[in-house]
Amino acid sequence: MIIISKVKHPIIKPLPILNIDYETGIDTCYLMCKLSPKDKEFIYERYYNVYQRTAGYRHSLFLNDIGFTMHLSPIDPKFHCHFNATLKIHRLFFTSAIPIEIIEILNHIDWRIIRLDIFYDFKTRVLDSLLFKHHKTLFDSGKLYENETFYVGNYNSKRRGHILAHYDRQIKEQKRDTGIVHQFPNRMEVRFKWKLKEMPLHNIQHSMILKQLKRYLFISDIEQLNTDKWRRNRIRKLQYNFELFSTYPAKEQKKIRELVKLEREPLEIMYAANAHELFNFMDYDEKAASSINGSVPPVDLLESETFEEFDYEEFKEKEGGNHMDKQQQDLLTKITNLLQDPLQTPLIDHEQLCGLYSRTKVNALNEQLNVLRDEKYIDFSREEYGFRIELLPTAI
């Protein structure tokens, strides 16, 4: 459905996904990509002169009214070998009227999903439900984290692993003093994390998601389990105290596990039934191509949003990328800053890079520059009084 907005350009409004007994949708989505010069031009044709500089990026665009944040050109050059653009799409995005320019940017650029939070909301009480550990070796928070959220999977882990979260939405609203009352207060959330190459936005691997969802064991209403009251009470005691499960007799553990597996919420079926609607903002290629350019929705640059800090060491370990040591990273940063100075010529003398002249320092500098050239960050030539250095695209 296309609606004409007050700023006189088409916007697309996705439909909320509501069911009688549950509600499902996307809470948050993080995306990355490595933009080509044509991709950058494509973005700047649609949004120009509306950016602000943030701590980690040269250009940041905040559309807080629709839950959309875009960061371009990381300041630290070491990131550029893997990515140079990030997006954060928040829950408002999936229930708001989306500007056609955003749809175009999403559709015409090869974005990769690195994190996707899918929620399942139920009308039942949180105290009547159970997030059951699907594997006994998994970490769990053991109690409510910050008195509101129970986790399965290490939420502080440096590794990229999927995480389950279970919490009462009303408690969060009370803490924020919003006055909002939810019809579906009982939330179980699956937080998927992937490598950069695993989940392209334009070719979502639904089979990978379904396979993972089949493993998760969540009971939305313990009272509805097809067993006696005595066993239901035993299952209820496991809430936020899963260590108690190991004290039950082996036969009882087996019966409880079989019961939970049999009567778990079919998360994969719920996802499959709603997958098209979850990603319906990607279905408008032809409509987006006919967009009227030139009209940019108002942006409140004063309402800045903190983008989740990117852990480069974790990302590098996962992706198996180039490994620069700290000296090489610092040297590349220094070169980048020097070459961005309009008064600086491409000829950089020794003292600008290594301080007071000494043969030892110059030899060490030569070795570091050779490494950066081998990694295709720079090209350089030696001259009598310094180096003539050129930054390559991977460092820009």
Protein backbone atom coordinates (compact mmCIF):
# COMPACT_ATOMS: atom_id res chain seq x y z
CA MET A 1 0.00 0.00 0.00
CA ILE A 2 1.44 3.39 -1.03
CA ILE A 3 0.46 6.57 0.79
CA ILE A 4 1.33 10.16 -0.15
CA SER A 5 2.94 11.96 2.76
CA LYS A 6 2.89 15.63 3.70
CA VAL A 7 6.35 16.06 2.18
CA LYS A 8 4.87 15.06 -1.19
CA HIS A 9 6.78 11.88 -1.86
CA PRO A 10 5.58 8.23 -1.69
CA ILE A 11 6.09 6.31 1.53
CA ILE A 12 5.33 2.71 2.27
CA LYS A 13 3.58 1.56 5.42
CA PRO A 14 4.10 -2.09 6.41
CA LEU A 15 1.30 -3.99 8.08
CA PRO A 16 1.58 -5.06 11.74
CA ILE A 17 1.55 -8.84 12.28
CA LEU A 18 -1.13 -9.71 14.82
CA ASN A 19 -2.58 -13.11 15.66
CA ILE A 20 -5.23 -14.21 18.12
CA ASP A 21 -2.86 -15.78 20.66
CA TYR A 22 0.52 -14.27 19.84
CA GLU A 23 2.30 -11.44 18.07
CA THR A 24 5.61 -11.77 16.25
CA GLY A 25 7.93 -9.35 14.50
CA ILE A 26 11.44 -7.90 14.28
CA ASP A 27 12.62 -5.85 17.23
CA THR A 28 16.06 -4.78 15.98
CA CYS A 29 18.21 -5.45 12.93
CA TYR A 30 21.87 -4.52 12.43
CA LEU A 31 23.32 -4.50 8.91
CA MET A 32 26.73 -3.83 7.38
CA CYS A 33 28.24 -3.59 3.92
CA LYS A 34 31.24 -2.34 2.02
CA LEU A 35 30.00 0.46 -0.22
CA SER A 36 31.44 0.96 -3.67
CA PRO A 37 31.85 4.54 -5.02
CA LYS A 38 28.58 4.04 -6.97
CA ASP A 39 26.80 2.91 -3.80
CA LYS A 40 27.99 6.03 -1.97
CA GLU A 41 26.80 8.22 -4.82
CA PHE A 42 23.43 6.42 -4.74
CA ILE A 43 23.02 7.24 -1.03
CA TYR A 44 24.19 10.86 -1.28
CA GLU A 45 21.77 11.50 -4.15
CA ARG A 46 18.95 10.74 -1.72
CA TYR A 47 20.29 12.16 1.52
CA TYR A 48 22.81 14.97 1.28
CA ASN A 49 23.85 17.65 3.76
CA VAL A 50 21.79 16.09 6.59
CA TYR A 51 24.57 14.18 8.33
CA GLN A 52 26.40 14.78 11.56
CA ARG A 53 29.84 13.62 12.64
CA THR A 54 29.86 11.12 15.50
CA ALA A 55 32.60 9.55 17.61
CA GLY A 56 33.23 6.68 15.20
CA TYR A 57 31.91 7.89 11.83
CA ARG A 58 32.31 10.86 9.53
CA HIS A 59 28.68 10.81 8.38
CA SER A 60 25.76 9.67 10.54
CA LEU A 61 22.08 9.98 9.70
CA PHE A 62 19.46 9.69 12.46
CA LEU A 63 15.80 9.25 11.52
CA ASN A 64 14.59 8.64 15.07
CA ASP A 65 10.91 9.05 14.23
CA ILE A 66 11.04 5.83 12.18
CA GLY A 67 13.78 3.99 14.11
CA PHE A 68 16.46 4.19 11.40
CA THR A 69 20.16 5.01 11.86
CA MET A 70 22.84 4.97 9.15
CA HIS A 71 26.58 5.43 9.69
CA LEU A 72 29.01 5.96 6.78
CA SER A 73 32.81 6.16 6.56
CA PRO A 74 34.30 4.93 9.86
CA ILE A 75 36.97 7.28 11.14
CA ASP A 76 39.30 4.42 12.05
CA PRO A 77 40.79 3.21 8.74
CA LYS A 78 41.28 -0.38 9.91
CA PHE A 79 37.54 -1.02 9.58
CA HIS A 80 37.49 -0.20 5.87
CA CYS A 81 38.97 -3.52 4.79
CA HIS A 82 35.73 -5.21 5.96
CA PHE A 83 32.96 -2.58 5.91
CA ASN A 84 32.36 1.15 5.58
CA ALA A 85 28.64 1.46 6.31
CA THR A 86 26.32 0.25 9.08
CA LEU A 87 22.57 0.39 9.62
CA LYS A 88 20.49 -0.03 12.73
CA ILE A 89 16.78 -0.62 12.14
CA HIS A 90 14.71 -0.47 15.31
CA ARG A 91 11.18 -1.64 16.14
CA LEU A 92 9.57 1.65 15.07
CA PHE A 93 10.76 1.04 11.52
CA PHE A 94 8.55 -2.02 11.13
CA THR A 95 5.36 -0.22 12.13
CA SER A 96 6.02 3.22 10.60
CA ALA A 97 5.50 4.80 7.20
CA ILE A 98 8.88 4.34 5.52
CA PRO A 99 10.24 7.02 3.13
CA ILE A 100 10.74 5.64 -0.36
CA GLU A 101 14.39 6.83 -0.30
CA ILE A 102 15.11 4.42 2.55
CA ILE A 103 13.44 1.58 0.63
CA GLU A 104 15.66 2.37 -2.34
CA ILE A 105 18.82 2.34 -0.21
CA LEU A 106 17.86 -1.01 1.30
CA ASN A 107 16.96 -2.58 -2.05
CA HIS A 108 19.79 -1.35 -4.25
CA ILE A 109 22.77 -2.04 -1.96
CA ASP A 110 24.14 -5.42 -0.89
CA TRP A 111 23.50 -5.16 2.86
CA ARG A 112 24.39 -8.06 5.15
CA ILE A 113 22.53 -8.82 8.38
CA ILE A 114 24.88 -9.36 11.31
CA ARG A 115 22.22 -9.34 14.04
CA LEU A 116 18.47 -9.95 13.92
CA ASP A 117 16.21 -9.87 16.99
CA ILE A 118 12.89 -11.67 16.42
CA PHE A 119 10.28 -11.42 19.17
CA TYR A 120 7.35 -13.63 20.11
CA ASP A 121 4.78 -11.98 22.38
CA PHE A 122 2.05 -13.88 24.24
CA LYS A 123 -0.98 -12.86 26.29
CA THR A 124 -0.03 -15.13 29.18
CA ARG A 125 1.83 -14.05 32.31
CA VAL A 126 5.60 -14.35 32.42
CA LEU A 127 5.30 -16.17 35.75
CA ASP A 128 3.24 -18.87 34.00
CA SER A 129 5.80 -19.51 31.26
CA LEU A 130 9.23 -21.12 30.97
CA LEU A 131 12.26 -20.69 28.73
CA PHE A 132 13.76 -24.19 28.92
CA LYS A 133 17.45 -24.70 28.14
CA HIS A 134 17.61 -26.72 24.92
CA HIS A 135 21.13 -27.90 25.78
CA LYS A 136 22.39 -28.49 29.31
CA THR A 137 25.85 -27.01 28.61
CA LEU A 138 24.44 -23.62 27.63
CA PHE A 139 25.06 -20.62 29.84
CA ASP A 140 22.03 -19.00 31.49
CA SER A 141 21.81 -15.88 33.59
CA GLY A 142 20.50 -17.96 36.53
CA LYS A 143 18.34 -15.05 37.63
CA LEU A 144 16.69 -12.00 36.13
CA TYR A 145 19.40 -9.75 34.66
CA GLU A 146 18.82 -6.23 36.05
CA ASN A 147 15.65 -7.70 37.66
CA GLU A 148 13.86 -7.92 34.33
CA THR A 149 15.42 -10.30 31.76
CA PHE A 150 16.34 -14.01 31.80
CA TYR A 151 18.97 -15.08 29.25
CA VAL A 152 20.00 -18.39 27.73
CA GLY A 153 23.34 -17.93 26.01
CA ASN A 154 26.08 -15.62 27.22
CA TYR A 155 24.94 -12.04 26.53
CA ASN A 156 28.44 -10.74 27.44
CA SER A 157 30.31 -13.27 25.33
CA LYS A 158 33.00 -12.13 22.87
CA ARG A 159 31.92 -14.96 20.57
CA ARG A 160 29.16 -14.65 18.00
CA GLY A 161 26.41 -16.89 19.37
CA HIS A 162 22.63 -16.82 19.24
CA ILE A 163 20.94 -15.65 22.45
CA LEU A 164 17.45 -16.16 23.90
CA ALA A 165 15.86 -13.58 26.18
CA HIS A 166 12.64 -13.80 28.20
CA TYR A 167 11.10 -10.83 29.98
CA ASP A 168 7.93 -9.00 31.00
CA ARG A 169 7.34 -6.01 28.73
CA GLN A 170 5.23 -4.29 31.39
CA ILE A 171 8.16 -4.19 33.82
CA LYS A 172 10.26 -2.41 31.18
CA GLU A 173 7.47 0.11 30.54
CA GLN A 174 7.11 0.76 34.28
CA LYS A 175 10.85 1.43 34.57
CA ARG A 176 10.63 3.87 31.66
CA ASP A 177 7.45 5.42 33.13
CA THR A 178 5.75 5.38 29.73
CA GLY A 179 2.26 4.44 30.92
CA ILE A 180 1.97 1.92 28.06
CA VAL A 181 -0.07 -1.23 28.72
CA HIS A 182 0.67 -4.18 26.42
CA GLN A 183 -1.95 -6.67 25.29
CA PHE A 184 0.86 -9.21 24.78
CA PRO A 185 3.17 -8.65 27.81
CA ASN A 186 5.03 -12.00 27.81
CA ARG A 187 8.00 -11.73 25.41
CA MET A 188 10.46 -14.39 24.28
CA GLU A 189 13.11 -12.96 21.99
CA VAL A 190 15.61 -14.74 19.73
CA ARG A 191 18.74 -12.71 18.99
CA PHE A 192 20.52 -14.15 15.98
CA LYS A 193 24.14 -13.19 15.24
CA TRP A 194 25.87 -14.04 11.97
CA LYS A 195 29.11 -13.54 10.13
CA LEU A 196 29.11 -10.82 7.52
CA LYS A 197 28.92 -13.31 4.64
CA GLU A 198 26.18 -15.57 6.07
CA MET A 199 22.94 -13.57 5.83
CA PRO A 200 22.54 -11.22 2.82
CA LEU A 201 19.44 -9.06 3.12
CA HIS A 202 18.43 -9.79 -0.48
CA ASN A 203 18.76 -13.55 -0.09
CA ILE A 204 17.74 -14.33 3.47
CA GLN A 205 18.53 -17.91 4.40
CA HIS A 206 15.18 -18.79 5.97
CA SER A 207 16.16 -22.45 6.24
CA MET A 208 19.06 -21.49 8.53
CA ILE A 209 16.67 -19.51 10.75
CA LEU A 210 14.05 -22.29 10.81
CA LYS A 211 16.64 -24.93 11.67
CA GLN A 212 17.76 -22.90 14.67
CA LEU A 213 14.24 -22.06 15.86
CA LYS A 214 13.32 -25.78 15.94
CA ARG A 215 15.85 -26.26 18.74
CA TYR A 216 14.38 -23.72 21.16
CA LEU A 217 12.04 -24.82 23.95
CA PHE A 218 9.57 -22.24 25.21
CA ILE A 219 6.33 -22.88 27.11
CA SER A 220 3.99 -19.89 27.12
CA ASP A 221 1.51 -21.32 29.65
CA ILE A 222 2.63 -24.02 32.09
CA GLU A 223 -0.94 -24.54 33.29
CA GLN A 224 -1.93 -25.82 29.83
CA LEU A 225 0.64 -28.62 29.80
CA ASN A 226 -0.92 -32.07 29.40
CA THR A 227 0.31 -33.53 32.67
CA ASP A 228 -0.60 -33.66 36.34
CA LYS A 229 -0.38 -30.77 38.78
CA TRP A 230 2.59 -32.31 40.60
CA ARG A 231 4.76 -32.31 37.44
CA ARG A 232 3.57 -28.85 36.42
CA ASN A 233 4.77 -27.55 39.78
CA ARG A 234 8.14 -29.18 39.24
CA ILE A 235 8.41 -27.51 35.84
CA ARG A 236 7.37 -24.16 37.29
CA LYS A 237 10.19 -24.35 39.85
CA LEU A 238 12.71 -24.44 37.00
CA GLN A 239 11.93 -20.83 36.10
CA TYR A 240 15.15 -18.83 36.71
CA ASN A 241 16.54 -21.86 38.59
CA PHE A 242 17.46 -24.42 35.96
CA GLU A 243 20.16 -25.96 38.18
CA LEU A 244 17.33 -27.56 40.13
CA PHE A 245 16.63 -29.77 37.10
CA SER A 246 19.77 -31.84 37.76
CA THR A 247 18.44 -32.77 41.24
CA TYR A 248 15.35 -34.46 39.78
CA PRO A 249 15.44 -38.25 39.29
CA ALA A 250 16.76 -39.27 35.86
CA LYS A 251 13.39 -40.72 34.80
CA GLU A 252 11.63 -37.51 35.81
CA GLN A 253 14.16 -35.40 33.90
CA LYS A 254 13.51 -37.49 30.78
CA LYS A 255 9.70 -37.19 31.11
CA ILE A 256 9.87 -33.42 31.64
CA ARG A 257 12.20 -32.93 28.67
CA GLU A 258 9.97 -35.07 26.42
CA LEU A 259 6.88 -33.17 27.58
CA VAL A 260 8.47 -29.76 26.95
CA LYS A 261 9.66 -30.84 23.49
CA LEU A 262 6.18 -32.13 22.64
CA GLU A 263 4.25 -29.08 23.85
CA ARG A 264 6.75 -26.29 23.12
CA GLU A 265 5.60 -23.24 21.17
CA PRO A 266 6.26 -23.99 17.47
CA LEU A 267 8.50 -20.97 16.92
CA GLU A 268 9.61 -22.12 13.47
CA ILE A 269 5.99 -22.49 12.29
CA MET A 270 5.12 -19.04 13.63
CA TYR A 271 8.13 -17.61 11.79
CA ALA A 272 7.34 -19.43 8.54
CA ALA A 273 3.74 -18.21 8.64
CA ASN A 274 4.84 -14.58 8.99
CA ALA A 275 8.25 -14.48 7.25
CA HIS A 276 6.96 -12.60 4.20
CA GLU A 277 5.36 -9.90 6.36
CA LEU A 278 8.46 -9.60 8.53
CA PHE A 279 10.50 -8.53 5.51
CA ASN A 280 7.74 -6.90 3.43
CA PHE A 281 9.72 -3.64 3.22
CA MET A 282 11.98 -5.46 0.72
CA ASP A 283 9.15 -6.13 -1.79
CA TYR A 284 9.03 -2.71 -3.41
CA ASP A 285 11.84 -2.67 -5.97
CA GLU A 286 9.68 -1.42 -8.85
CA LYS A 287 7.82 1.11 -6.74
CA ALA A 288 11.05 2.44 -5.28
CA ALA A 289 12.52 2.88 -8.76
CA SER A 290 9.77 5.39 -9.57
CA SER A 291 10.49 7.54 -6.53
CA ILE A 292 10.30 11.30 -6.75
CA ASN A 293 13.79 12.44 -5.73
CA GLY A 294 14.61 15.72 -4.14
CA SER A 295 12.16 15.73 -1.23
CA VAL A 296 13.85 14.78 2.01
CA PRO A 297 11.80 14.23 5.18
CA PRO A 298 12.69 16.49 8.12
CA VAL A 299 15.48 15.15 10.32
CA ASP A 300 15.92 16.11 13.97
CA LEU A 301 19.70 16.07 14.32
CA LEU A 302 19.49 17.06 17.97
CA GLU A 303 17.93 13.74 18.96
CA SER A 304 21.05 11.63 18.57
CA GLU A 305 21.03 7.92 19.25
CA THR A 306 23.94 5.88 20.57
CA PHE A 307 24.85 3.16 18.08
CA GLU A 308 26.02 -0.06 19.68
CA GLU A 309 29.82 0.01 19.79
CA PHE A 310 31.35 -2.35 17.25
CA ASP A 311 33.86 -4.83 18.67
CA TYR A 312 36.54 -5.01 15.97
CA GLU A 313 38.59 -7.71 17.70
CA GLU A 314 35.52 -9.96 17.94
CA PHE A 315 34.64 -9.25 14.32
CA LYS A 316 38.19 -9.86 13.09
CA GLU A 317 38.37 -13.18 14.95
CA LYS A 318 35.06 -14.30 13.46
CA GLU A 319 35.74 -13.15 9.90
CA GLY A 320 39.38 -14.24 9.77
CA GLY A 321 40.38 -10.92 8.21
CA ASN A 322 43.72 -9.15 7.92
CA HIS A 323 45.67 -8.91 11.16
CA MET A 324 47.42 -5.58 11.68
CA ASP A 325 49.26 -5.05 14.92
CA LYS A 326 48.78 -1.85 16.90
CA GLN A 327 51.87 -0.14 15.42
CA GLN A 328 50.59 -0.70 11.87
CA GLN A 329 47.10 0.52 12.83
CA ASP A 330 48.52 3.67 14.44
CA LEU A 331 50.78 4.30 11.43
CA LEU A 332 47.89 3.94 8.97
CA THR A 333 45.77 6.32 11.06
CA LYS A 334 48.63 8.86 11.12
CA ILE A 335 49.09 8.62 7.34
CA THR A 336 45.36 9.02 6.75
CA ASN A 337 45.19 12.13 8.94
CA LEU A 338 48.23 13.68 7.24
CA LEU A 339 46.92 13.10 3.71
CA GLN A 340 43.54 14.59 4.65
CA ASP A 341 45.28 17.88 5.51
CA PRO A 342 44.75 20.17 2.46
CA LEU A 343 48.13 21.84 3.12
CA GLN A 344 49.99 18.52 3.13
CA THR A 345 51.63 17.29 -0.06
CA PRO A 346 51.84 13.54 -0.84
CA LEU A 347 55.51 13.75 0.18
CA ILE A 348 55.67 12.96 3.91
CA ASP A 349 59.03 13.35 5.66
CA HIS A 350 60.47 10.87 8.12
CA GLU A 351 59.95 13.01 11.22
CA GLN A 352 56.19 13.29 10.61
CA LEU A 353 55.90 9.50 10.83
CA CYS A 354 58.57 8.40 13.31
CA GLY A 355 59.75 11.47 15.20
CA LEU A 356 63.41 12.50 15.41
CA TYR A 357 65.49 10.99 12.61
CA SER A 358 67.49 7.86 13.34
CA ARG A 359 68.52 4.97 11.14
CA THR A 360 66.86 2.45 13.48
CA LYS A 361 63.51 4.29 13.37
CA VAL A 362 63.61 4.66 9.59
CA ASN A 363 64.36 0.94 9.12
CA ALA A 364 61.45 0.02 11.41
CA LEU A 365 59.21 2.48 9.52
CA ASN A 366 60.22 0.90 6.19
CA GLU A 367 59.17 -2.52 7.48
CA GLN A 368 55.78 -1.24 8.64
CA LEU A 369 55.13 0.54 5.34
CA ASN A 370 56.02 -2.63 3.45
CA VAL A 371 53.44 -4.56 5.48
CA LEU A 372 50.74 -1.96 4.76
CA ARG A 373 51.59 -2.09 1.07
CA ASP A 374 51.46 -5.91 1.06
CA GLU A 375 48.00 -5.72 2.71
CA LYS A 376 47.00 -3.27 -0.05
CA TYR A 377 46.25 -0.35 2.26
CA ILE A 378 48.80 1.99 0.70
CA ASP A 379 51.23 2.37 -2.16
CA PHE A 380 54.43 4.36 -1.62
CA SER A 381 57.83 5.23 -3.01
CA ARG A 382 60.95 6.30 -1.13
CA GLU A 383 62.60 9.65 -1.81
CA GLU A 384 65.59 11.40 -0.33
CA TYR A 385 63.70 13.30 2.37
CA GLY A 386 60.70 11.08 2.95
CA PHE A 387 57.99 8.97 1.39
CA ARG A 388 55.44 9.69 -1.32
CA ILE A 389 52.35 7.79 -0.09
CA GLU A 390 49.03 7.06 -1.72
CA LEU A 391 46.03 5.61 0.18
CA LEU A 392 44.37 2.71 -1.64
CA PRO A 393 40.56 2.21 -1.65
CA THR A 394 40.71 -0.38 1.16
CA ALA A 395 41.95 2.35 3.53
CA ILE A 396 39.61 5.13 2.41
